[in-house]
Amino acid sequence: WVSGQFKGQGYANQLLSQCIEDARSQGMHGLTVLSSSKKKPYLSDPDYLKYKGFLTADTAHPFFELLYLPFTDNAPLPRFKDCARKGTIEETGMVLYYTAQCPYTSQYVPLIAKAAQARGHELTLHPITTTEQAQNAPAPYTTYSFFNNGRLVTHEIFSEKKFEKFLDSLPV
């Protein structure tokens, strides 16, 4: 995505055009992008992509959308794996699935683990380090998926302050 002072200068259109050109030159069937039903942080803007011709291929709870831009009429329809569709897991308590894709996870994961422990909560960490783990993750957004009592809470990285606020919201 394009942010800050670089917005409104045509960079998004240039980036998307380059992605389309690259995919076509490699003989791909189209492009697929993780987005959401409404604009959310760290996910591609659905309104922009739909304006550019992307279609909704699939959805996953609670708000994820898989958008695609087929290059041909017979392009295969991309789908979420069933394991990522529900937005729930069997584990209870606080559970975090994450990758090192974003440098902030390396910074904040140990901090929230320490904060949870200091407040008497157990946080189960599941680092995703392989392609297979990512493909079988319980949420489409593998960079950071935080669950509490089996339900997806957020895909946004908790800062210490945001995590403390989450902990304060829990029933005693």
N, C-alpha and C. Protein backbone atom coordinates (compact mmCIF):
# COMPACT_ATOMS: atom_id res chain seq x y z
N TRP A 1 0.83 -1.17 0.00
CA TRP A 1 0.00 0.00 0.00
C TRP A 1 0.87 1.23 0.00
N VAL A 2 0.27 2.34 -0.28
CA VAL A 2 0.97 3.62 -0.31
C VAL A 2 0.45 4.43 0.87
N SER A 3 1.35 5.03 1.61
CA SER A 3 0.91 5.76 2.80
C SER A 3 1.54 7.14 2.89
N GLY A 4 1.00 7.91 3.83
CA GLY A 4 1.57 9.21 4.16
C GLY A 4 1.67 10.16 3.00
N GLN A 5 2.81 10.81 2.92
CA GLN A 5 3.04 11.87 1.93
C GLN A 5 3.03 11.35 0.50
N PHE A 6 3.09 10.04 0.32
CA PHE A 6 3.15 9.46 -1.02
C PHE A 6 1.78 9.16 -1.61
N LYS A 7 0.72 9.31 -0.80
CA LYS A 7 -0.63 9.09 -1.29
C LYS A 7 -1.00 10.16 -2.31
N GLY A 8 -1.87 9.77 -3.25
CA GLY A 8 -2.41 10.73 -4.21
C GLY A 8 -1.47 11.11 -5.33
N GLN A 9 -0.38 10.38 -5.49
CA GLN A 9 0.60 10.72 -6.54
C GLN A 9 0.65 9.66 -7.64
N GLY A 10 -0.30 8.73 -7.62
CA GLY A 10 -0.36 7.72 -8.67
C GLY A 10 0.50 6.49 -8.42
N TYR A 11 1.14 6.40 -7.26
CA TYR A 11 2.00 5.26 -6.98
C TYR A 11 1.23 3.94 -6.89
N ALA A 12 0.03 3.97 -6.31
CA ALA A 12 -0.76 2.75 -6.20
C ALA A 12 -1.08 2.20 -7.59
N ASN A 13 -1.46 3.07 -8.49
CA ASN A 13 -1.75 2.63 -9.86
C ASN A 13 -0.50 2.06 -10.53
N GLN A 14 0.64 2.69 -10.30
CA GLN A 14 1.89 2.19 -10.88
C GLN A 14 2.26 0.82 -10.30
N LEU A 15 2.12 0.68 -8.98
CA LEU A 15 2.43 -0.60 -8.33
C LEU A 15 1.51 -1.71 -8.84
N LEU A 16 0.23 -1.41 -8.92
CA LEU A 16 -0.73 -2.41 -9.39
C LEU A 16 -0.44 -2.77 -10.85
N SER A 17 -0.17 -1.80 -11.68
CA SER A 17 0.15 -2.06 -13.09
C SER A 17 1.37 -2.96 -13.21
N GLN A 18 2.38 -2.71 -12.39
CA GLN A 18 3.59 -3.54 -12.41
C GLN A 18 3.30 -4.96 -11.96
N CYS A 19 2.46 -5.11 -10.93
CA CYS A 19 2.08 -6.46 -10.47
C CYS A 19 1.34 -7.21 -11.58
N ILE A 20 0.43 -6.54 -12.25
CA ILE A 20 -0.32 -7.17 -13.34
C ILE A 20 0.64 -7.57 -14.46
N GLU A 21 1.53 -6.66 -14.83
CA GLU A 21 2.51 -6.95 -15.89
C GLU A 21 3.39 -8.14 -15.51
N ASP A 22 3.88 -8.16 -14.28
CA ASP A 22 4.72 -9.27 -13.81
C ASP A 22 3.96 -10.60 -13.86
N ALA A 23 2.73 -10.60 -13.36
CA ALA A 23 1.94 -11.83 -13.33
C ALA A 23 1.65 -12.33 -14.76
N ARG A 24 1.30 -11.42 -15.63
CA ARG A 24 1.03 -11.82 -17.03
C ARG A 24 2.30 -12.38 -17.69
N SER A 25 3.44 -11.74 -17.44
CA SER A 25 4.68 -12.19 -18.07
C SER A 25 5.11 -13.58 -17.58
N GLN A 26 4.63 -13.96 -16.39
CA GLN A 26 4.94 -15.28 -15.83
C GLN A 26 3.87 -16.32 -16.17
N GLY A 27 2.90 -15.92 -16.97
CA GLY A 27 1.86 -16.85 -17.39
C GLY A 27 0.83 -17.16 -16.32
N MET A 28 0.68 -16.28 -15.34
CA MET A 28 -0.29 -16.50 -14.26
C MET A 28 -1.71 -16.33 -14.78
N HIS A 29 -2.67 -16.88 -14.04
CA HIS A 29 -4.09 -16.78 -14.41
C HIS A 29 -4.71 -15.46 -13.97
N GLY A 30 -4.05 -14.74 -13.05
CA GLY A 30 -4.58 -13.49 -12.53
C GLY A 30 -3.86 -13.13 -11.24
N LEU A 31 -4.41 -12.16 -10.53
CA LEU A 31 -3.87 -11.73 -9.24
C LEU A 31 -4.88 -12.03 -8.15
N THR A 32 -4.37 -12.36 -6.98
CA THR A 32 -5.20 -12.59 -5.80
C THR A 32 -4.64 -11.75 -4.67
N VAL A 33 -5.55 -11.10 -3.94
CA VAL A 33 -5.14 -10.18 -2.88
C VAL A 33 -6.01 -10.40 -1.64
N LEU A 34 -5.38 -10.41 -0.47
CA LEU A 34 -6.12 -10.49 0.78
C LEU A 34 -6.61 -9.10 1.14
N SER A 35 -7.89 -8.99 1.41
CA SER A 35 -8.50 -7.72 1.74
C SER A 35 -9.53 -7.96 2.84
N SER A 36 -10.48 -7.03 2.94
CA SER A 36 -11.52 -7.13 3.96
C SER A 36 -12.81 -6.54 3.41
N SER A 37 -13.90 -6.79 4.12
CA SER A 37 -15.19 -6.28 3.67
C SER A 37 -15.24 -4.75 3.74
N LYS A 38 -14.57 -4.18 4.70
CA LYS A 38 -14.40 -2.72 4.81
C LYS A 38 -12.92 -2.46 4.98
N LYS A 39 -12.47 -1.27 4.66
CA LYS A 39 -11.05 -0.95 4.76
C LYS A 39 -10.55 -1.18 6.19
N LYS A 40 -9.47 -1.94 6.29
CA LYS A 40 -8.86 -2.27 7.58
C LYS A 40 -7.35 -2.05 7.48
N PRO A 41 -6.72 -1.72 8.61
CA PRO A 41 -5.26 -1.56 8.60
C PRO A 41 -4.56 -2.85 8.16
N TYR A 42 -3.50 -2.69 7.42
CA TYR A 42 -2.62 -3.77 6.97
C TYR A 42 -3.24 -4.70 5.92
N LEU A 43 -4.43 -4.36 5.44
CA LEU A 43 -5.06 -5.13 4.37
C LEU A 43 -5.31 -4.19 3.19
N SER A 44 -5.29 -4.75 2.01
CA SER A 44 -5.49 -3.94 0.81
C SER A 44 -6.87 -3.31 0.81
N ASP A 45 -6.96 -2.11 0.28
CA ASP A 45 -8.20 -1.34 0.23
C ASP A 45 -9.19 -2.00 -0.74
N PRO A 46 -10.30 -2.53 -0.23
CA PRO A 46 -11.23 -3.24 -1.11
C PRO A 46 -11.89 -2.33 -2.14
N ASP A 47 -12.21 -1.11 -1.77
CA ASP A 47 -12.86 -0.21 -2.72
C ASP A 47 -11.95 0.10 -3.90
N TYR A 48 -10.69 0.36 -3.63
CA TYR A 48 -9.73 0.65 -4.70
C TYR A 48 -9.61 -0.55 -5.63
N LEU A 49 -9.43 -1.74 -5.05
CA LEU A 49 -9.23 -2.93 -5.87
C LEU A 49 -10.48 -3.27 -6.68
N LYS A 50 -11.65 -3.12 -6.09
CA LYS A 50 -12.88 -3.38 -6.83
C LYS A 50 -13.06 -2.36 -7.96
N TYR A 51 -12.67 -1.14 -7.71
CA TYR A 51 -12.70 -0.11 -8.75
C TYR A 51 -11.78 -0.49 -9.91
N LYS A 52 -10.69 -1.19 -9.58
CA LYS A 52 -9.72 -1.62 -10.59
C LYS A 52 -10.10 -2.95 -11.24
N GLY A 53 -11.28 -3.48 -10.90
CA GLY A 53 -11.77 -4.67 -11.58
C GLY A 53 -11.66 -5.96 -10.79
N PHE A 54 -11.16 -5.90 -9.57
CA PHE A 54 -11.06 -7.10 -8.75
C PHE A 54 -12.45 -7.55 -8.32
N LEU A 55 -12.61 -8.85 -8.18
CA LEU A 55 -13.87 -9.45 -7.77
C LEU A 55 -13.66 -10.21 -6.46
N THR A 56 -14.73 -10.40 -5.71
CA THR A 56 -14.64 -11.19 -4.49
C THR A 56 -14.69 -12.67 -4.85
N ALA A 57 -13.63 -13.38 -4.51
CA ALA A 57 -13.56 -14.81 -4.80
C ALA A 57 -14.05 -15.63 -3.62
N ASP A 58 -13.79 -15.16 -2.39
CA ASP A 58 -14.13 -15.94 -1.21
C ASP A 58 -14.12 -15.01 0.01
N THR A 59 -14.72 -15.48 1.09
CA THR A 59 -14.73 -14.73 2.35
C THR A 59 -14.36 -15.67 3.49
N ALA A 60 -13.85 -15.07 4.56
CA ALA A 60 -13.53 -15.81 5.79
C ALA A 60 -13.90 -14.93 6.97
N HIS A 61 -14.38 -15.58 8.00
CA HIS A 61 -14.83 -14.87 9.20
C HIS A 61 -13.65 -14.22 9.90
N PRO A 62 -13.73 -13.05 10.47
CA PRO A 62 -14.94 -12.25 10.58
C PRO A 62 -15.11 -11.20 9.47
N PHE A 63 -14.04 -10.88 8.73
CA PHE A 63 -14.16 -9.79 7.75
C PHE A 63 -13.26 -9.95 6.53
N PHE A 64 -12.53 -11.03 6.44
CA PHE A 64 -11.56 -11.19 5.37
C PHE A 64 -12.25 -11.46 4.03
N GLU A 65 -11.68 -10.92 2.97
CA GLU A 65 -12.11 -11.19 1.61
C GLU A 65 -10.90 -11.54 0.77
N LEU A 66 -11.07 -12.50 -0.10
CA LEU A 66 -10.05 -12.84 -1.08
C LEU A 66 -10.51 -12.23 -2.40
N LEU A 67 -9.79 -11.23 -2.84
CA LEU A 67 -10.14 -10.55 -4.08
C LEU A 67 -9.24 -11.06 -5.20
N TYR A 68 -9.79 -11.13 -6.41
CA TYR A 68 -8.98 -11.61 -7.52
C TYR A 68 -9.29 -10.82 -8.80
N LEU A 69 -8.30 -10.77 -9.63
CA LEU A 69 -8.41 -10.14 -10.94
C LEU A 69 -8.03 -11.20 -11.96
N PRO A 70 -9.03 -11.87 -12.55
CA PRO A 70 -8.71 -12.93 -13.51
C PRO A 70 -8.25 -12.32 -14.84
N PHE A 71 -7.31 -12.98 -15.47
CA PHE A 71 -6.82 -12.52 -16.78
C PHE A 71 -7.59 -13.15 -17.92
N THR A 72 -8.30 -14.26 -17.64
CA THR A 72 -9.10 -14.93 -18.66
C THR A 72 -10.44 -15.35 -18.04
N ASP A 73 -11.39 -15.65 -18.89
CA ASP A 73 -12.71 -16.08 -18.42
C ASP A 73 -12.67 -17.42 -17.70
N ASN A 74 -11.70 -18.25 -18.03
CA ASN A 74 -11.64 -19.57 -17.41
C ASN A 74 -10.57 -19.67 -16.32
N ALA A 75 -10.15 -18.52 -15.78
CA ALA A 75 -9.17 -18.54 -14.68
C ALA A 75 -9.77 -19.25 -13.47
N PRO A 76 -8.99 -20.12 -12.81
CA PRO A 76 -9.52 -20.81 -11.63
C PRO A 76 -9.85 -19.82 -10.51
N LEU A 77 -10.91 -20.12 -9.79
CA LEU A 77 -11.36 -19.26 -8.71
C LEU A 77 -10.56 -19.57 -7.44
N PRO A 78 -9.81 -18.60 -6.92
CA PRO A 78 -9.06 -18.85 -5.68
C PRO A 78 -10.00 -18.98 -4.49
N ARG A 79 -9.57 -19.75 -3.50
CA ARG A 79 -10.38 -20.00 -2.31
C ARG A 79 -9.51 -20.03 -1.07
N PHE A 80 -10.10 -19.64 0.07
CA PHE A 80 -9.44 -19.85 1.35
C PHE A 80 -9.49 -21.33 1.68
N LYS A 81 -8.48 -21.80 2.39
CA LYS A 81 -8.55 -23.17 2.91
C LYS A 81 -9.57 -23.19 4.05
N ASP A 82 -10.20 -24.32 4.24
CA ASP A 82 -11.22 -24.44 5.28
C ASP A 82 -10.68 -24.08 6.67
N CYS A 83 -9.41 -24.40 6.93
CA CYS A 83 -8.83 -24.13 8.26
C CYS A 83 -8.79 -22.64 8.58
N ALA A 84 -8.82 -21.78 7.57
CA ALA A 84 -8.72 -20.33 7.78
C ALA A 84 -10.07 -19.62 7.64
N ARG A 85 -11.10 -20.35 7.33
CA ARG A 85 -12.39 -19.75 6.98
C ARG A 85 -13.23 -19.31 8.19
N LYS A 86 -13.14 -20.03 9.33
CA LYS A 86 -14.07 -19.81 10.43
C LYS A 86 -13.69 -18.68 11.39
N GLY A 87 -12.40 -18.36 11.50
CA GLY A 87 -11.98 -17.35 12.47
C GLY A 87 -12.02 -17.88 13.89
N THR A 88 -11.95 -19.20 14.03
CA THR A 88 -11.96 -19.81 15.36
C THR A 88 -10.89 -20.89 15.42
N ILE A 89 -10.51 -21.21 16.65
CA ILE A 89 -9.58 -22.30 16.90
C ILE A 89 -10.10 -23.12 18.09
N GLU A 90 -9.56 -24.30 18.27
CA GLU A 90 -9.97 -25.17 19.37
C GLU A 90 -9.32 -24.76 20.69
N GLU A 91 -8.13 -24.17 20.63
CA GLU A 91 -7.41 -23.79 21.85
C GLU A 91 -8.16 -22.71 22.61
N THR A 92 -8.14 -22.81 23.93
CA THR A 92 -8.74 -21.76 24.75
C THR A 92 -7.64 -20.85 25.26
N GLY A 93 -8.05 -19.77 25.89
CA GLY A 93 -7.10 -18.79 26.39
C GLY A 93 -6.60 -17.90 25.26
N MET A 94 -5.52 -17.20 25.53
CA MET A 94 -4.93 -16.30 24.53
C MET A 94 -3.92 -17.05 23.69
N VAL A 95 -4.09 -16.94 22.38
CA VAL A 95 -3.24 -17.66 21.44
C VAL A 95 -2.86 -16.72 20.31
N LEU A 96 -1.57 -16.70 19.98
CA LEU A 96 -1.09 -15.82 18.92
C LEU A 96 -0.36 -16.64 17.86
N TYR A 97 -0.81 -16.53 16.63
CA TYR A 97 -0.10 -17.05 15.47
C TYR A 97 0.56 -15.86 14.80
N TYR A 98 1.84 -15.99 14.45
CA TYR A 98 2.54 -14.85 13.87
C TYR A 98 3.74 -15.29 13.04
N THR A 99 4.18 -14.41 12.17
CA THR A 99 5.40 -14.63 11.40
C THR A 99 6.35 -13.48 11.66
N ALA A 100 7.56 -13.61 11.17
CA ALA A 100 8.55 -12.53 11.26
C ALA A 100 8.48 -11.63 10.03
N GLN A 101 7.40 -11.76 9.26
CA GLN A 101 7.24 -10.96 8.04
C GLN A 101 7.31 -9.46 8.35
N CYS A 102 6.70 -9.07 9.45
CA CYS A 102 6.74 -7.67 9.87
C CYS A 102 7.75 -7.55 11.01
N PRO A 103 8.67 -6.60 10.93
CA PRO A 103 9.68 -6.48 11.99
C PRO A 103 9.08 -6.13 13.35
N TYR A 104 7.89 -5.58 13.38
CA TYR A 104 7.29 -5.22 14.65
C TYR A 104 6.86 -6.45 15.45
N THR A 105 6.61 -7.57 14.77
CA THR A 105 6.24 -8.77 15.55
C THR A 105 7.40 -9.19 16.44
N SER A 106 8.61 -9.12 15.92
CA SER A 106 9.78 -9.50 16.74
C SER A 106 9.93 -8.58 17.94
N GLN A 107 9.51 -7.34 17.78
CA GLN A 107 9.60 -6.38 18.88
C GLN A 107 8.48 -6.57 19.90
N TYR A 108 7.23 -6.73 19.42
CA TYR A 108 6.10 -6.71 20.33
C TYR A 108 5.67 -8.06 20.90
N VAL A 109 5.93 -9.16 20.20
CA VAL A 109 5.51 -10.46 20.73
C VAL A 109 6.12 -10.73 22.11
N PRO A 110 7.44 -10.56 22.28
CA PRO A 110 7.98 -10.79 23.64
C PRO A 110 7.42 -9.82 24.69
N LEU A 111 7.11 -8.61 24.28
CA LEU A 111 6.58 -7.63 25.22
C LEU A 111 5.17 -7.99 25.69
N ILE A 112 4.33 -8.45 24.77
CA ILE A 112 2.97 -8.80 25.21
C ILE A 112 2.99 -10.13 25.97
N ALA A 113 3.91 -11.02 25.62
CA ALA A 113 4.03 -12.26 26.39
C ALA A 113 4.41 -11.95 27.83
N LYS A 114 5.33 -11.04 28.00
CA LYS A 114 5.76 -10.63 29.35
C LYS A 114 4.62 -9.93 30.09
N ALA A 115 3.87 -9.08 29.38
CA ALA A 115 2.74 -8.37 30.00
C ALA A 115 1.66 -9.35 30.42
N ALA A 116 1.38 -10.35 29.59
CA ALA A 116 0.37 -11.36 29.94
C ALA A 116 0.80 -12.11 31.19
N GLN A 117 2.05 -12.53 31.22
CA GLN A 117 2.57 -13.28 32.37
C GLN A 117 2.51 -12.43 33.63
N ALA A 118 2.87 -11.14 33.52
CA ALA A 118 2.86 -10.25 34.69
C ALA A 118 1.45 -10.09 35.26
N ARG A 119 0.45 -10.23 34.39
CA ARG A 119 -0.94 -10.08 34.84
C ARG A 119 -1.59 -11.44 35.14
N GLY A 120 -0.80 -12.51 35.13
CA GLY A 120 -1.32 -13.82 35.47
C GLY A 120 -2.06 -14.53 34.35
N HIS A 121 -1.81 -14.15 33.12
CA HIS A 121 -2.45 -14.78 31.97
C HIS A 121 -1.42 -15.60 31.21
N GLU A 122 -1.88 -16.70 30.65
CA GLU A 122 -1.02 -17.51 29.81
C GLU A 122 -1.28 -17.13 28.35
N LEU A 123 -0.21 -16.93 27.61
CA LEU A 123 -0.30 -16.63 26.19
C LEU A 123 0.45 -17.72 25.44
N THR A 124 -0.26 -18.44 24.60
CA THR A 124 0.37 -19.49 23.80
C THR A 124 0.82 -18.88 22.48
N LEU A 125 2.09 -19.06 22.16
CA LEU A 125 2.65 -18.49 20.94
C LEU A 125 2.88 -19.58 19.90
N HIS A 126 2.46 -19.29 18.68
CA HIS A 126 2.67 -20.20 17.56
C HIS A 126 3.39 -19.44 16.44
N PRO A 127 4.72 -19.42 16.47
CA PRO A 127 5.43 -18.77 15.36
C PRO A 127 5.25 -19.60 14.08
N ILE A 128 4.97 -18.93 13.01
CA ILE A 128 4.81 -19.57 11.70
C ILE A 128 6.12 -19.38 10.96
N THR A 129 6.81 -20.48 10.71
CA THR A 129 8.14 -20.38 10.10
C THR A 129 8.26 -21.12 8.78
N THR A 130 7.23 -21.87 8.41
CA THR A 130 7.30 -22.63 7.16
C THR A 130 6.10 -22.32 6.27
N THR A 131 6.23 -22.59 5.01
CA THR A 131 5.13 -22.41 4.07
C THR A 131 3.96 -23.29 4.47
N GLU A 132 4.23 -24.52 4.86
CA GLU A 132 3.17 -25.44 5.25
C GLU A 132 2.39 -24.92 6.46
N GLN A 133 3.10 -24.37 7.46
CA GLN A 133 2.41 -23.80 8.63
C GLN A 133 1.52 -22.62 8.21
N ALA A 134 2.03 -21.78 7.32
CA ALA A 134 1.24 -20.64 6.85
C ALA A 134 0.00 -21.10 6.09
N GLN A 135 0.17 -22.10 5.25
CA GLN A 135 -0.96 -22.60 4.46
C GLN A 135 -2.01 -23.29 5.32
N ASN A 136 -1.64 -23.73 6.50
CA ASN A 136 -2.58 -24.42 7.38
C ASN A 136 -2.92 -23.61 8.63
N ALA A 137 -2.65 -22.34 8.59
CA ALA A 137 -2.94 -21.46 9.73
C ALA A 137 -4.46 -21.28 9.88
N PRO A 138 -4.91 -20.95 11.09
CA PRO A 138 -6.34 -20.82 11.33
C PRO A 138 -6.94 -19.47 10.92
N ALA A 139 -6.15 -18.62 10.30
CA ALA A 139 -6.65 -17.33 9.83
C ALA A 139 -5.92 -16.97 8.54
N PRO A 140 -6.58 -16.24 7.65
CA PRO A 140 -5.94 -15.87 6.38
C PRO A 140 -4.73 -14.96 6.55
N TYR A 141 -4.73 -14.14 7.59
CA TYR A 141 -3.66 -13.18 7.80
C TYR A 141 -2.64 -13.80 8.74
N THR A 142 -1.58 -14.35 8.17
CA THR A 142 -0.62 -15.09 8.98
C THR A 142 0.45 -14.23 9.63
N THR A 143 0.54 -12.97 9.25
CA THR A 143 1.53 -12.10 9.88
C THR A 143 1.26 -11.98 11.37
N TYR A 144 -0.04 -11.92 11.74
CA TYR A 144 -0.39 -11.73 13.14
C TYR A 144 -1.88 -12.04 13.29
N SER A 145 -2.20 -13.07 14.01
CA SER A 145 -3.60 -13.42 14.28
C SER A 145 -3.72 -13.79 15.75
N PHE A 146 -4.39 -12.92 16.51
CA PHE A 146 -4.53 -13.09 17.95
C PHE A 146 -5.93 -13.60 18.26
N PHE A 147 -5.99 -14.72 18.97
CA PHE A 147 -7.25 -15.34 19.35
C PHE A 147 -7.39 -15.30 20.87
N ASN A 148 -8.63 -15.20 21.32
CA ASN A 148 -8.91 -15.34 22.74
C ASN A 148 -10.12 -16.26 22.89
N ASN A 149 -9.93 -17.29 23.69
CA ASN A 149 -10.97 -18.30 23.90
C ASN A 149 -11.58 -18.80 22.60
N GLY A 150 -10.69 -19.05 21.66
CA GLY A 150 -11.09 -19.66 20.41
C GLY A 150 -11.54 -18.74 19.30
N ARG A 151 -11.67 -17.47 19.57
CA ARG A 151 -12.18 -16.52 18.56
C ARG A 151 -11.11 -15.52 18.16
N LEU A 152 -11.07 -15.21 16.86
CA LEU A 152 -10.12 -14.21 16.38
C LEU A 152 -10.48 -12.85 16.96
N VAL A 153 -9.50 -12.21 17.60
CA VAL A 153 -9.70 -10.90 18.19
C VAL A 153 -9.20 -9.81 17.24
N THR A 154 -7.98 -10.01 16.71
CA THR A 154 -7.40 -8.98 15.85
C THR A 154 -6.31 -9.56 14.96
N HIS A 155 -6.11 -8.87 13.85
CA HIS A 155 -4.98 -9.17 12.96
C HIS A 155 -3.94 -8.05 13.07
N GLU A 156 -4.22 -7.06 13.91
CA GLU A 156 -3.31 -5.93 14.09
C GLU A 156 -2.36 -6.21 15.25
N ILE A 157 -1.10 -5.88 15.06
CA ILE A 157 -0.10 -6.13 16.09
C ILE A 157 -0.41 -5.29 17.32
N PHE A 158 -0.51 -5.98 18.46
CA PHE A 158 -0.73 -5.28 19.73
C PHE A 158 0.55 -4.58 20.15
N SER A 159 0.45 -3.29 20.42
CA SER A 159 1.52 -2.61 21.15
C SER A 159 1.30 -2.96 22.62
N GLU A 160 2.25 -2.61 23.48
CA GLU A 160 2.06 -2.88 24.90
C GLU A 160 0.81 -2.20 25.43
N LYS A 161 0.62 -0.95 25.03
CA LYS A 161 -0.52 -0.18 25.51
C LYS A 161 -1.84 -0.78 25.04
N LYS A 162 -1.92 -1.16 23.77
CA LYS A 162 -3.15 -1.77 23.25
C LYS A 162 -3.41 -3.12 23.90
N PHE A 163 -2.34 -3.87 24.17
CA PHE A 163 -2.52 -5.17 24.81
C PHE A 163 -3.00 -4.99 26.25
N GLU A 164 -2.45 -4.02 26.96
CA GLU A 164 -2.90 -3.74 28.33
C GLU A 164 -4.39 -3.36 28.32
N LYS A 165 -4.80 -2.59 27.34
CA LYS A 165 -6.21 -2.20 27.22
C LYS A 165 -7.07 -3.44 26.97
N PHE A 166 -6.58 -4.35 26.12
CA PHE A 166 -7.30 -5.61 25.88
C PHE A 166 -7.42 -6.39 27.19
N LEU A 167 -6.32 -6.53 27.93
CA LEU A 167 -6.34 -7.26 29.20
C LEU A 167 -7.32 -6.62 30.18
N ASP A 168 -7.35 -5.30 30.20
CA ASP A 168 -8.30 -4.59 31.09
C ASP A 168 -9.75 -4.88 30.73
N SER A 169 -10.02 -5.21 29.47
CA SER A 169 -11.39 -5.47 29.02
C SER A 169 -11.88 -6.87 29.35
N LEU A 170 -10.97 -7.74 29.77
CA LEU A 170 -11.34 -9.13 30.07
C LEU A 170 -12.12 -9.20 31.39
N PRO A 171 -13.08 -10.12 31.45
CA PRO A 171 -13.80 -10.30 32.72
C PRO A 171 -12.85 -10.79 33.80
N VAL A 172 -13.10 -10.38 35.00
CA VAL A 172 -12.23 -10.76 36.12
C VAL A 172 -12.56 -12.12 36.64
